[in-house]
PDB file of N, CA and C in Angstrom:
ATOM      1  N   MET A   1     -33.116 -34.307  96.050  1.00  0.00           N
ATOM      2  CA  MET A   1     -31.951 -35.145  96.252  1.00  0.00           C
ATOM      3  C   MET A   1     -32.367 -36.611  96.210  1.00  0.00           C
ATOM      4  N   ALA A   2     -31.423 -37.429  95.951  1.00  0.00           N
ATOM      5  CA  ALA A   2     -31.680 -38.868  95.879  1.00  0.00           C
ATOM      6  C   ALA A   2     -31.697 -39.457  97.285  1.00  0.00           C
ATOM      7  N   THR A   3     -32.618 -40.368  97.471  1.00  0.00           N
ATOM      8  CA  THR A   3     -32.680 -41.069  98.751  1.00  0.00           C
ATOM      9  C   THR A   3     -31.690 -42.225  98.726  1.00  0.00           C
ATOM     10  N   PRO A   4     -31.336 -42.781  99.879  1.00  0.00           N
ATOM     11  CA  PRO A   4     -30.366 -43.886  99.908  1.00  0.00           C
ATOM     12  C   PRO A   4     -30.818 -45.116  99.120  1.00  0.00           C
ATOM     13  N   ASN A   5     -32.132 -45.265  98.941  1.00  0.00           N
ATOM     14  CA  ASN A   5     -32.632 -46.434  98.224  1.00  0.00           C
ATOM     15  C   ASN A   5     -32.513 -46.299  96.710  1.00  0.00           C
ATOM     16  N   GLU A   6     -32.386 -45.067  96.211  1.00  0.00           N
ATOM     17  CA  GLU A   6     -32.280 -44.851  94.772  1.00  0.00           C
ATOM     18  C   GLU A   6     -30.842 -45.087  94.309  1.00  0.00           C
ATOM     19  N   LYS A   7     -30.722 -45.585  93.093  1.00  0.00           N
ATOM     20  CA  LYS A   7     -29.397 -45.780  92.520  1.00  0.00           C
ATOM     21  C   LYS A   7     -28.990 -44.506  91.796  1.00  0.00           C
ATOM     22  N   VAL A   8     -27.812 -43.994  92.124  1.00  0.00           N
ATOM     23  CA  VAL A   8     -27.307 -42.759  91.542  1.00  0.00           C
ATOM     24  C   VAL A   8     -25.999 -43.069  90.842  1.00  0.00           C
ATOM     25  N   LEU A   9     -25.859 -42.555  89.624  1.00  0.00           N
ATOM     26  CA  LEU A   9     -24.620 -42.759  88.892  1.00  0.00           C
ATOM     27  C   LEU A   9     -23.513 -41.914  89.504  1.00  0.00           C
ATOM     28  N   PRO A  10     -22.310 -42.451  89.582  1.00  0.00           N
ATOM     29  CA  PRO A  10     -21.212 -41.670  90.162  1.00  0.00           C
ATOM     30  C   PRO A  10     -20.757 -40.580  89.188  1.00  0.00           C
ATOM     31  N   LYS A  11     -20.233 -39.489  89.730  1.00  0.00           N
ATOM     32  CA  LYS A  11     -19.694 -38.418  88.899  1.00  0.00           C
ATOM     33  C   LYS A  11     -18.336 -38.868  88.371  1.00  0.00           C
ATOM     34  N   ILE A  12     -18.067 -38.466  87.134  1.00  0.00           N
ATOM     35  CA  ILE A  12     -16.801 -38.873  86.525  1.00  0.00           C
ATOM     36  C   ILE A  12     -15.995 -37.636  86.136  1.00  0.00           C
ATOM     37  N   ASP A  13     -14.691 -37.814  86.060  1.00  0.00           N
ATOM     38  CA  ASP A  13     -13.795 -36.769  85.588  1.00  0.00           C
ATOM     39  C   ASP A  13     -13.565 -37.005  84.094  1.00  0.00           C
ATOM     40  N   ILE A  14     -14.072 -36.110  83.261  1.00  0.00           N
ATOM     41  CA  ILE A  14     -14.018 -36.290  81.811  1.00  0.00           C
ATOM     42  C   ILE A  14     -12.578 -36.371  81.315  1.00  0.00           C
ATOM     43  N   GLU A  15     -11.738 -35.481  81.784  1.00  0.00           N
ATOM     44  CA  GLU A  15     -10.346 -35.470  81.309  1.00  0.00           C
ATOM     45  C   GLU A  15      -9.631 -36.771  81.662  1.00  0.00           C
ATOM     46  N   LYS A  16      -9.895 -37.288  82.839  1.00  0.00           N
ATOM     47  CA  LYS A  16      -9.272 -38.555  83.247  1.00  0.00           C
ATOM     48  C   LYS A  16      -9.765 -39.697  82.358  1.00  0.00           C
ATOM     49  N   GLU A  17     -11.061 -39.684  82.081  1.00  0.00           N
ATOM     50  CA  GLU A  17     -11.629 -40.733  81.233  1.00  0.00           C
ATOM     51  C   GLU A  17     -11.127 -40.608  79.792  1.00  0.00           C
ATOM     52  N   LEU A  18     -10.985 -39.390  79.307  1.00  0.00           N
ATOM     53  CA  LEU A  18     -10.495 -39.194  77.945  1.00  0.00           C
ATOM     54  C   LEU A  18      -9.055 -39.681  77.790  1.00  0.00           C
ATOM     55  N   SER A  19      -8.258 -39.553  78.829  1.00  0.00           N
ATOM     56  CA  SER A  19      -6.867 -39.999  78.729  1.00  0.00           C
ATOM     57  C   SER A  19      -6.773 -41.519  78.593  1.00  0.00           C
ATOM     58  N   ASN A  20      -7.801 -42.244  78.998  1.00  0.00           N
ATOM     59  CA  ASN A  20      -7.815 -43.707  78.877  1.00  0.00           C
ATOM     60  C   ASN A  20      -8.316 -44.180  77.516  1.00  0.00           C
ATOM     61  N   MET A  21      -8.768 -43.267  76.661  1.00  0.00           N
ATOM     62  CA  MET A  21      -9.346 -43.647  75.365  1.00  0.00           C
ATOM     63  C   MET A  21      -8.336 -43.434  74.250  1.00  0.00           C
ATOM     64  N   ASN A  22      -8.613 -44.102  73.119  1.00  0.00           N
ATOM     65  CA  ASN A  22      -7.765 -43.877  71.955  1.00  0.00           C
ATOM     66  C   ASN A  22      -8.195 -42.563  71.280  1.00  0.00           C
ATOM     67  N   PRO A  23      -7.386 -42.022  70.387  1.00  0.00           N
ATOM     68  CA  PRO A  23      -7.667 -40.698  69.798  1.00  0.00           C
ATOM     69  C   PRO A  23      -9.012 -40.599  69.069  1.00  0.00           C
ATOM     70  N   ILE A  24      -9.443 -41.649  68.416  1.00  0.00           N
ATOM     71  CA  ILE A  24     -10.722 -41.612  67.699  1.00  0.00           C
ATOM     72  C   ILE A  24     -11.876 -41.495  68.697  1.00  0.00           C
ATOM     73  N   GLN A  25     -11.811 -42.257  69.777  1.00  0.00           N
ATOM     74  CA  GLN A  25     -12.847 -42.169  70.804  1.00  0.00           C
ATOM     75  C   GLN A  25     -12.841 -40.783  71.456  1.00  0.00           C
ATOM     76  N   GLN A  26     -11.663 -40.246  71.693  1.00  0.00           N
ATOM     77  CA  GLN A  26     -11.567 -38.909  72.271  1.00  0.00           C
ATOM     78  C   GLN A  26     -12.231 -37.878  71.367  1.00  0.00           C
ATOM     79  N   MET A  27     -11.963 -37.993  70.062  1.00  0.00           N
ATOM     80  CA  MET A  27     -12.545 -37.073  69.102  1.00  0.00           C
ATOM     81  C   MET A  27     -14.072 -37.181  69.122  1.00  0.00           C
ATOM     82  N   LEU A  28     -14.590 -38.403  69.142  1.00  0.00           N
ATOM     83  CA  LEU A  28     -16.040 -38.594  69.145  1.00  0.00           C
ATOM     84  C   LEU A  28     -16.682 -38.056  70.430  1.00  0.00           C
ATOM     85  N   VAL A  29     -16.029 -38.269  71.552  1.00  0.00           N
ATOM     86  CA  VAL A  29     -16.562 -37.769  72.822  1.00  0.00           C
ATOM     87  C   VAL A  29     -16.562 -36.243  72.826  1.00  0.00           C
ATOM     88  N   ARG A  30     -15.478 -35.635  72.360  1.00  0.00           N
ATOM     89  CA  ARG A  30     -15.414 -34.173  72.328  1.00  0.00           C
ATOM     90  C   ARG A  30     -16.456 -33.592  71.369  1.00  0.00           C
ATOM     91  N   LYS A  31     -16.648 -34.254  70.237  1.00  0.00           N
ATOM     92  CA  LYS A  31     -17.652 -33.795  69.270  1.00  0.00           C
ATOM     93  C   LYS A  31     -19.057 -33.899  69.879  1.00  0.00           C
ATOM     94  N   THR A  32     -19.312 -34.986  70.592  1.00  0.00           N
ATOM     95  CA  THR A  32     -20.607 -35.160  71.248  1.00  0.00           C
ATOM     96  C   THR A  32     -20.813 -34.110  72.323  1.00  0.00           C
ATOM     97  N   MET A  33     -19.769 -33.825  73.086  1.00  0.00           N
ATOM     98  CA  MET A  33     -19.866 -32.797  74.124  1.00  0.00           C
ATOM     99  C   MET A  33     -20.129 -31.423  73.504  1.00  0.00           C
ATOM    100  N   GLU A  34     -19.492 -31.150  72.381  1.00  0.00           N
ATOM    101  CA  GLU A  34     -19.696 -29.874  71.700  1.00  0.00           C
ATOM    102  C   GLU A  34     -21.128 -29.751  71.193  1.00  0.00           C
ATOM    103  N   ARG A  35     -21.650 -30.807  70.594  1.00  0.00           N
ATOM    104  CA  ARG A  35     -23.040 -30.788  70.114  1.00  0.00           C
ATOM    105  C   ARG A  35     -24.022 -30.627  71.266  1.00  0.00           C
ATOM    106  N   ASN A  36     -23.724 -31.271  72.383  1.00  0.00           N
ATOM    107  CA  ASN A  36     -24.598 -31.150  73.546  1.00  0.00           C
ATOM    108  C   ASN A  36     -24.581 -29.714  74.080  1.00  0.00           C
ATOM    109  N   LYS A  37     -23.405 -29.090  74.065  1.00  0.00           N
ATOM    110  CA  LYS A  37     -23.304 -27.702  74.520  1.00  0.00           C
ATOM    111  C   LYS A  37     -24.092 -26.778  73.593  1.00  0.00           C
ATOM    112  N   GLU A  38     -24.008 -27.003  72.270  1.00  0.00           N
ATOM    113  CA  GLU A  38     -24.778 -26.212  71.305  1.00  0.00           C
ATOM    114  C   GLU A  38     -26.276 -26.390  71.531  1.00  0.00           C
ATOM    115  N   ARG A  39     -26.686 -27.623  71.796  1.00  0.00           N
ATOM    116  CA  ARG A  39     -28.102 -27.915  72.051  1.00  0.00           C
ATOM    117  C   ARG A  39     -28.570 -27.190  73.301  1.00  0.00           C
ATOM    118  N   ALA A  40     -27.761 -27.201  74.342  1.00  0.00           N
ATOM    119  CA  ALA A  40     -28.113 -26.527  75.594  1.00  0.00           C
ATOM    120  C   ALA A  40     -28.207 -25.014  75.381  1.00  0.00           C
ATOM    121  N   MET A  41     -27.289 -24.449  74.598  1.00  0.00           N
ATOM    122  CA  MET A  41     -27.341 -23.014  74.318  1.00  0.00           C
ATOM    123  C   MET A  41     -28.593 -22.650  73.529  1.00  0.00           C
ATOM    124  N   LYS A  42     -28.982 -23.517  72.602  1.00  0.00           N
ATOM    125  CA  LYS A  42     -30.191 -23.275  71.812  1.00  0.00           C
ATOM    126  C   LYS A  42     -31.419 -23.285  72.722  1.00  0.00           C
ATOM    127  N   ILE A  43     -31.465 -24.215  73.654  1.00  0.00           N
ATOM    128  CA  ILE A  43     -32.590 -24.290  74.588  1.00  0.00           C
ATOM    129  C   ILE A  43     -32.634 -23.033  75.447  1.00  0.00           C
ATOM    130  N   GLN A  44     -31.480 -22.563  75.907  1.00  0.00           N
ATOM    131  CA  GLN A  44     -31.443 -21.336  76.701  1.00  0.00           C
ATOM    132  C   GLN A  44     -31.936 -20.140  75.904  1.00  0.00           C
ATOM    133  N   ARG A  45     -31.552 -20.075  74.631  1.00  0.00           N
ATOM    134  CA  ARG A  45     -31.991 -18.977  73.766  1.00  0.00           C
ATOM    135  C   ARG A  45     -33.504 -19.008  73.581  1.00  0.00           C
ATOM    136  N   VAL A  46     -34.054 -20.207  73.365  1.00  0.00           N
ATOM    137  CA  VAL A  46     -35.500 -20.342  73.186  1.00  0.00           C
ATOM    138  C   VAL A  46     -36.227 -19.932  74.469  1.00  0.00           C
ATOM    139  N   ARG A  47     -35.733 -20.367  75.617  1.00  0.00           N
ATOM    140  CA  ARG A  47     -36.362 -20.005  76.889  1.00  0.00           C
ATOM    141  C   ARG A  47     -36.325 -18.502  77.116  1.00  0.00           C
ATOM    142  N   ARG A  48     -35.199 -17.869  76.783  1.00  0.00           N
ATOM    143  CA  ARG A  48     -35.087 -16.420  76.934  1.00  0.00           C
ATOM    144  C   ARG A  48     -36.096 -15.712  76.037  1.00  0.00           C
ATOM    145  N   ASN A  49     -36.236 -16.190  74.799  1.00  0.00           N
ATOM    146  CA  ASN A  49     -37.192 -15.580  73.875  1.00  0.00           C
ATOM    147  C   ASN A  49     -38.628 -15.779  74.351  1.00  0.00           C
ATOM    148  N   VAL A  50     -38.917 -16.936  74.926  1.00  0.00           N
ATOM    149  CA  VAL A  50     -40.264 -17.196  75.440  1.00  0.00           C
ATOM    150  C   VAL A  50     -40.563 -16.261  76.607  1.00  0.00           C
ATOM    151  N   ARG A  51     -39.599 -16.093  77.513  1.00  0.00           N
ATOM    152  CA  ARG A  51     -39.793 -15.176  78.642  1.00  0.00           C
ATOM    153  C   ARG A  51     -40.021 -13.749  78.158  1.00  0.00           C
ATOM    154  N   LEU A  52     -39.227 -13.313  77.185  1.00  0.00           N
ATOM    155  CA  LEU A  52     -39.365 -11.963  76.648  1.00  0.00           C
ATOM    156  C   LEU A  52     -40.735 -11.779  76.011  1.00  0.00           C
ATOM    157  N   THR A  53     -41.174 -12.751  75.238  1.00  0.00           N
ATOM    158  CA  THR A  53     -42.494 -12.677  74.608  1.00  0.00           C
ATOM    159  C   THR A  53     -43.590 -12.620  75.665  1.00  0.00           C
ATOM    160  N   GLY A  54     -43.473 -13.423  76.701  1.00  0.00           N
ATOM    161  CA  GLY A  54     -44.461 -13.409  77.783  1.00  0.00           C
ATOM    162  C   GLY A  54     -44.511 -12.071  78.488  1.00  0.00           C
ATOM    163  N   LEU A  55     -43.347 -11.492  78.756  1.00  0.00           N
ATOM    164  CA  LEU A  55     -43.308 -10.180  79.408  1.00  0.00           C
ATOM    165  C   LEU A  55     -43.922  -9.097  78.524  1.00  0.00           C
ATOM    166  N   LEU A  56     -43.621  -9.153  77.229  1.00  0.00           N
ATOM    167  CA  LEU A  56     -44.200  -8.162  76.315  1.00  0.00           C
ATOM    168  C   LEU A  56     -45.717  -8.307  76.225  1.00  0.00           C
ATOM    169  N   LEU A  57     -46.201  -9.529  76.138  1.00  0.00           N
ATOM    170  CA  LEU A  57     -47.650  -9.737  76.096  1.00  0.00           C
ATOM    171  C   LEU A  57     -48.313  -9.288  77.400  1.00  0.00           C
ATOM    172  N   GLY A  58     -47.673  -9.594  78.520  1.00  0.00           N
ATOM    173  CA  GLY A  58     -48.203  -9.155  79.811  1.00  0.00           C
ATOM    174  C   GLY A  58     -48.258  -7.643  79.905  1.00  0.00           C
ATOM    175  N   ALA A  59     -47.203  -6.969  79.443  1.00  0.00           N
ATOM    176  CA  ALA A  59     -47.181  -5.505  79.462  1.00  0.00           C
ATOM    177  C   ALA A  59     -48.268  -4.939  78.557  1.00  0.00           C
ATOM    178  N   PHE A  60     -48.483  -5.560  77.416  1.00  0.00           N
ATOM    179  CA  PHE A  60     -49.545  -5.123  76.504  1.00  0.00           C
ATOM    180  C   PHE A  60     -50.911  -5.253  77.164  1.00  0.00           C
ATOM    181  N   VAL A  61     -51.157  -6.382  77.825  1.00  0.00           N
ATOM    182  CA  VAL A  61     -52.442  -6.612  78.486  1.00  0.00           C
ATOM    183  C   VAL A  61     -52.651  -5.594  79.602  1.00  0.00           C
ATOM    184  N   VAL A  62     -51.627  -5.351  80.402  1.00  0.00           N
ATOM    185  CA  VAL A  62     -51.745  -4.372  81.487  1.00  0.00           C
ATOM    186  C   VAL A  62     -51.987  -2.978  80.903  1.00  0.00           C
ATOM    187  N   GLY A  63     -51.332  -2.645  79.821  1.00  0.00           N
ATOM    188  CA  GLY A  63     -51.531  -1.341  79.181  1.00  0.00           C
ATOM    189  C   GLY A  63     -52.947  -1.173  78.659  1.00  0.00           C
ATOM    190  N   VAL A  64     -53.469  -2.199  78.001  1.00  0.00           N
ATOM    191  CA  VAL A  64     -54.846  -2.128  77.484  1.00  0.00           C
ATOM    192  C   VAL A  64     -55.829  -2.009  78.642  1.00  0.00           C
ATOM    193  N   TYR A  65     -55.599  -2.768  79.706  1.00  0.00           N
ATOM    194  CA  TYR A  65     -56.477  -2.708  80.879  1.00  0.00           C
ATOM    195  C   TYR A  65     -56.446  -1.314  81.502  1.00  0.00           C
ATOM    196  N   ALA A  66     -55.259  -0.752  81.686  1.00  0.00           N
ATOM    197  CA  ALA A  66     -55.132   0.583  82.283  1.00  0.00           C
ATOM    198  C   ALA A  66     -55.786   1.637  81.393  1.00  0.00           C
ATOM    199  N   TYR A  67     -55.572   1.545  80.085  1.00  0.00           N
ATOM    200  CA  TYR A  67     -56.194   2.495  79.158  1.00  0.00           C
ATOM    201  C   TYR A  67     -57.711   2.403  79.232  1.00  0.00           C
ATOM    202  N   THR A  68     -58.240   1.185  79.281  1.00  0.00           N
ATOM    203  CA  THR A  68     -59.689   0.998  79.334  1.00  0.00           C
ATOM    204  C   THR A  68     -60.273   1.579  80.614  1.00  0.00           C
ATOM    205  N   ILE A  69     -59.630   1.327  81.736  1.00  0.00           N
ATOM    206  CA  ILE A  69     -60.115   1.842  83.016  1.00  0.00           C
ATOM    207  C   ILE A  69     -60.095   3.371  83.017  1.00  0.00           C
ATOM    208  N   THR A  70     -59.014   3.973  82.529  1.00  0.00           N
ATOM    209  CA  THR A  70     -58.947   5.437  82.527  1.00  0.00           C
ATOM    210  C   THR A  70     -59.937   6.042  81.543  1.00  0.00           C
ATOM    211  N   SER A  71     -60.182   5.407  80.426  1.00  0.00           N
ATOM    212  CA  SER A  71     -61.137   5.969  79.464  1.00  0.00           C
ATOM    213  C   SER A  71     -62.565   5.843  79.981  1.00  0.00           C
ATOM    214  N   ILE A  72     -62.871   4.808  80.723  1.00  0.00           N
ATOM    215  CA  ILE A  72     -64.220   4.665  81.287  1.00  0.00           C
ATOM    216  C   ILE A  72     -64.437   5.708  82.378  1.00  0.00           C
ATOM    217  N   LYS A  73     -63.427   6.017  83.158  1.00  0.00           N
ATOM    218  CA  LYS A  73     -63.554   7.029  84.208  1.00  0.00           C
ATOM    219  C   LYS A  73     -63.826   8.407  83.627  1.00  0.00           C
ATOM    220  N   GLN A  74     -63.403   8.666  82.403  1.00  0.00           N
ATOM    221  CA  GLN A  74     -63.583   9.969  81.789  1.00  0.00           C
ATOM    222  C   GLN A  74     -64.957  10.137  81.159  1.00  0.00           C
ATOM    223  N   GLU A  75     -65.685   9.055  80.968  1.00  0.00           N
ATOM    224  CA  GLU A  75     -66.990   9.150  80.329  1.00  0.00           C
ATOM    225  C   GLU A  75     -68.006   9.693  81.317  1.00  0.00           C
ATOM    226  N   THR A  76     -68.864  10.584  80.828  1.00  0.00           N
ATOM    227  CA  THR A  76     -69.854  11.215  81.705  1.00  0.00           C
ATOM    228  C   THR A  76     -71.275  11.019  81.181  1.00  0.00           C
ATOM    229  N   PHE A  77     -71.482  10.154  80.205  1.00  0.00           N
ATOM    230  CA  PHE A  77     -72.820  10.029  79.624  1.00  0.00           C
ATOM    231  C   PHE A  77     -73.834   9.461  80.615  1.00  0.00           C
ATOM    232  N   LEU A  78     -73.412   8.710  81.623  1.00  0.00           N
ATOM    233  CA  LEU A  78     -74.346   8.174  82.605  1.00  0.00           C
ATOM    234  C   LEU A  78     -74.645   9.178  83.718  1.00  0.00           C
ATOM    235  N   ASP A  79     -73.855  10.228  83.829  1.00  0.00           N
ATOM    236  CA  ASP A  79     -74.095  11.230  84.866  1.00  0.00           C
ATOM    237  C   ASP A  79     -75.386  12.001  84.607  1.00  0.00           C
ATOM    238  N   ASP A  80     -75.755  12.223  83.370  1.00  0.00           N
ATOM    239  CA  ASP A  80     -76.945  12.993  83.014  1.00  0.00           C
ATOM    240  C   ASP A  80     -78.166  12.106  82.820  1.00  0.00           C
ATOM    241  N   PHE A  81     -78.043  10.855  83.139  1.00  0.00           N
ATOM    242  CA  PHE A  81     -79.129   9.907  82.914  1.00  0.00           C
ATOM    243  C   PHE A  81     -80.228  10.123  83.950  1.00  0.00           C
ATOM    244  N   GLU A  82     -81.445  10.283  83.465  1.00  0.00           N
ATOM    245  CA  GLU A  82     -82.587  10.448  84.359  1.00  0.00           C
ATOM    246  C   GLU A  82     -83.414   9.171  84.325  1.00  0.00           C
ATOM    247  N   GLU A  83     -83.864   8.767  85.489  1.00  0.00           N
ATOM    248  CA  GLU A  83     -84.703   7.567  85.539  1.00  0.00           C
ATOM    249  C   GLU A  83     -86.065   7.871  84.946  1.00  0.00           C
ATOM    250  N   PRO A  84     -86.650   6.922  84.255  1.00  0.00           N
ATOM    251  CA  PRO A  84     -87.983   7.156  83.688  1.00  0.00           C
ATOM    252  C   PRO A  84     -89.020   7.310  84.818  1.00  0.00           C
ATOM    253  N   GLN A  85     -90.029   8.098  84.545  1.00  0.00           N
ATOM    254  CA  GLN A  85     -91.108   8.324  85.501  1.00  0.00           C
ATOM    255  C   GLN A  85     -91.946   7.055  85.621  1.00  0.00           C
ATOM    256  N   LYS A  86     -92.327   6.732  86.849  1.00  0.00           N
ATOM    257  CA  LYS A  86     -93.187   5.564  87.070  1.00  0.00           C
ATOM    258  C   LYS A  86     -94.613   5.926  86.736  1.00  0.00           C
ATOM    259  N   ARG A  87     -95.308   5.022  86.081  1.00  0.00           N
ATOM    260  CA  ARG A  87     -96.740   5.249  85.761  1.00  0.00           C
ATOM    261  C   ARG A  87     -97.596   4.925  86.971  1.00  0.00           C
ATOM    262  N   LYS A  88     -98.636   5.690  87.140  1.00  0.00           N
ATOM    263  CA  LYS A  88     -99.540   5.464  88.259  1.00  0.00           C
ATOM    264  C   LYS A  88    -100.694   4.611  87.882  1.00  0.00           C
TER     265      LYS A  88
END
């Protein structure tokens, strides 16, 4: 939140402000608002795709790790290993 020392712009009512403008200005403001909404939707889509990609990569890493751990537990080649005899 803003502290009392910071300058904060007041909130405005768009419809009230649009009624004070001429039709060309209204059209330009609405077009700008529409483009801004499209830009925001694009950013949301990109963020969603990034999250999905991260989750898929994380799941892949966990799967590879789990597979590796289970495959190592099944190996028995070290169970039959005999230590070499010490020379006297």
